């Protein structure tokens, strides 16, 4: 099912862990609405960087989120977060491009210098920018 011009429900719900663990990863109607909003936002990111956005993790059911060690209040469970990369940009370059843009988001995290986590929210958007690396915990800004 196509959610936007460049994003499908399948890519926003794919998981290698879910079938292996026998966990259902089908979003509720509310989460599906959030995924539409998220994908519309990701289209703006795609325009900003001038190319494809490759999703590694989108929606996660609460059971799947727990199984993969996600945060208990993860926006992934609401369909409001995605982890992704962009070919030809390092994750830090990608995060910096988004941080320097006028795009409104809730949270942008450069995770382990391997991918970017971007989240929206149900309420006001904080535009929080963080970095996490093994052994550091969350650090403010892009470092």
Protein backbone atom coordinates (compact mmCIF):
# COMPACT_ATOMS: atom_id res chain seq x y z
CA UNK A 1 0.00 0.00 0.00
CA UNK A 2 1.41 3.35 -1.07
CA UNK A 3 1.33 5.96 1.71
CA UNK A 4 2.96 8.77 -0.29
CA UNK A 5 4.74 9.05 -3.64
CA UNK A 6 7.94 7.45 -2.34
CA UNK A 7 6.95 5.51 0.80
CA UNK A 8 4.89 2.35 1.27
CA UNK A 9 3.25 0.76 4.28
CA UNK A 10 5.41 -2.30 3.70
CA UNK A 11 8.69 -0.40 4.05
CA UNK A 12 7.38 1.46 7.11
CA UNK A 13 6.48 -1.80 8.89
CA UNK A 14 9.17 -4.22 7.68
CA UNK A 15 11.06 -6.05 10.39
CA UNK A 16 13.50 -8.94 10.30
CA UNK A 17 12.81 -9.60 13.98
CA UNK A 18 8.99 -9.74 13.89
CA UNK A 19 8.57 -12.90 11.78
CA UNK A 20 11.51 -14.61 13.47
CA UNK A 21 9.95 -13.96 16.88
CA UNK A 22 6.36 -14.53 15.74
CA UNK A 23 5.36 -10.95 16.57
CA UNK A 24 2.58 -9.16 14.68
CA UNK A 25 3.61 -5.72 13.41
CA UNK A 26 0.41 -4.34 11.91
CA UNK A 27 -0.35 -0.72 12.86
CA UNK A 28 -3.69 0.30 14.33
CA UNK A 29 -5.82 2.76 12.35
CA UNK A 30 -4.48 5.57 14.58
CA UNK A 31 -0.86 4.52 13.97
CA UNK A 32 -1.60 4.24 10.24
CA UNK A 33 -2.80 7.85 10.23
CA UNK A 34 0.42 8.84 11.99
CA UNK A 35 2.44 6.91 9.40
CA UNK A 36 0.77 8.94 6.67
CA UNK A 37 1.81 12.12 8.48
CA UNK A 38 5.34 10.78 9.01
CA UNK A 39 5.73 9.77 5.37
CA UNK A 40 4.51 13.19 4.25
CA UNK A 41 7.24 14.66 6.43
CA UNK A 42 9.82 12.21 5.03
CA UNK A 43 8.89 13.41 1.54
CA UNK A 44 10.09 16.85 2.69
CA UNK A 45 13.35 15.29 3.91
CA UNK A 46 13.69 13.57 0.52
CA UNK A 47 13.26 16.94 -1.23
CA UNK A 48 15.74 18.56 1.14
CA UNK A 49 18.49 16.00 0.41
CA UNK A 50 17.60 15.55 -3.26
CA UNK A 51 17.33 11.79 -3.25
CA UNK A 52 16.01 8.60 -1.70
CA UNK A 53 15.48 8.10 2.01
CA UNK A 54 16.12 4.47 2.99
CA UNK A 55 14.09 3.37 6.00
CA UNK A 56 15.62 0.81 8.36
CA UNK A 57 12.89 1.03 11.01
CA UNK A 58 9.49 2.69 11.02
CA UNK A 59 6.41 1.47 12.88
CA UNK A 60 7.00 -1.05 15.68
CA UNK A 61 4.21 -2.71 17.59
CA UNK A 62 4.74 -2.44 21.36
CA UNK A 63 5.64 -6.14 21.48
CA UNK A 64 8.20 -5.78 18.70
CA UNK A 65 9.58 -2.59 20.22
CA UNK A 66 10.11 -4.39 23.52
CA UNK A 67 11.73 -7.35 21.79
CA UNK A 68 14.29 -5.15 20.01
CA UNK A 69 15.07 -3.12 23.14
CA UNK A 70 13.29 0.08 22.12
CA UNK A 71 12.38 2.80 24.60
CA UNK A 72 9.12 2.17 26.46
CA UNK A 73 7.75 5.50 25.23
CA UNK A 74 9.09 5.14 21.67
CA UNK A 75 7.40 7.20 18.96
CA UNK A 76 7.96 4.18 16.69
CA UNK A 77 5.01 2.50 18.49
CA UNK A 78 2.72 5.38 17.51
CA UNK A 79 3.87 5.45 13.87
CA UNK A 80 5.59 8.78 14.49
CA UNK A 81 9.28 7.82 14.10
CA UNK A 82 11.63 6.39 11.52
CA UNK A 83 15.29 5.45 11.41
CA UNK A 84 16.92 6.01 8.04
CA UNK A 85 19.95 6.81 5.93
CA UNK A 86 20.43 8.59 2.62
CA UNK A 87 22.90 7.30 0.02
CA UNK A 88 25.86 9.61 -0.61
CA UNK A 89 25.49 11.38 2.75
CA UNK A 90 27.02 10.28 6.02
CA UNK A 91 24.48 10.01 8.83
CA UNK A 92 26.04 13.11 10.41
CA UNK A 93 25.75 15.09 7.15
CA UNK A 94 22.11 13.97 6.89
CA UNK A 95 21.34 14.95 10.48
CA UNK A 96 23.07 18.30 9.98
CA UNK A 97 21.07 19.01 6.81
CA UNK A 98 17.82 18.35 8.64
CA UNK A 99 18.92 20.34 11.71
CA UNK A 100 19.90 23.30 9.51
CA UNK A 101 16.58 23.20 7.62
CA UNK A 102 13.33 24.90 8.59
CA UNK A 103 11.61 21.49 8.90
CA UNK A 104 9.61 21.12 12.10
CA UNK A 105 10.14 17.84 13.97
CA UNK A 106 9.97 16.68 17.55
CA UNK A 107 13.25 14.81 17.83
CA UNK A 108 16.29 14.27 15.61
CA UNK A 109 18.94 11.84 16.88
CA UNK A 110 22.21 10.88 15.24
CA UNK A 111 22.41 7.29 16.46
CA UNK A 112 25.80 5.59 16.75
CA UNK A 113 26.99 7.48 13.64
CA UNK A 114 25.12 4.83 11.62
CA UNK A 115 21.62 6.25 11.03
CA UNK A 116 19.29 9.13 11.80
CA UNK A 117 16.22 8.77 14.01
CA UNK A 118 13.51 11.33 13.35
CA UNK A 119 10.30 11.63 15.33
CA UNK A 120 7.17 13.73 15.18
CA UNK A 121 4.77 14.15 18.12
CA UNK A 122 1.06 14.35 18.86
CA UNK A 123 1.55 17.71 20.56
CA UNK A 124 3.96 20.61 20.21
CA UNK A 125 7.18 19.85 18.33
CA UNK A 126 10.31 20.40 20.44
CA UNK A 127 12.91 20.33 17.65
CA UNK A 128 15.20 18.45 20.04
CA UNK A 129 18.55 17.48 18.49
CA UNK A 130 20.66 14.76 20.10
CA UNK A 131 23.55 12.39 19.45
CA UNK A 132 24.01 8.96 20.99
CA UNK A 133 27.06 6.75 20.81
CA UNK A 134 27.99 3.58 22.63
CA UNK A 135 29.02 4.49 26.14
CA UNK A 136 28.00 8.16 25.98
CA UNK A 137 24.27 8.19 26.54
CA UNK A 138 22.39 11.02 24.87
CA UNK A 139 24.38 14.17 24.15
CA UNK A 140 22.79 17.51 23.31
CA UNK A 141 23.25 18.62 19.69
CA UNK A 142 25.13 16.94 16.88
CA UNK A 143 28.59 16.04 18.17
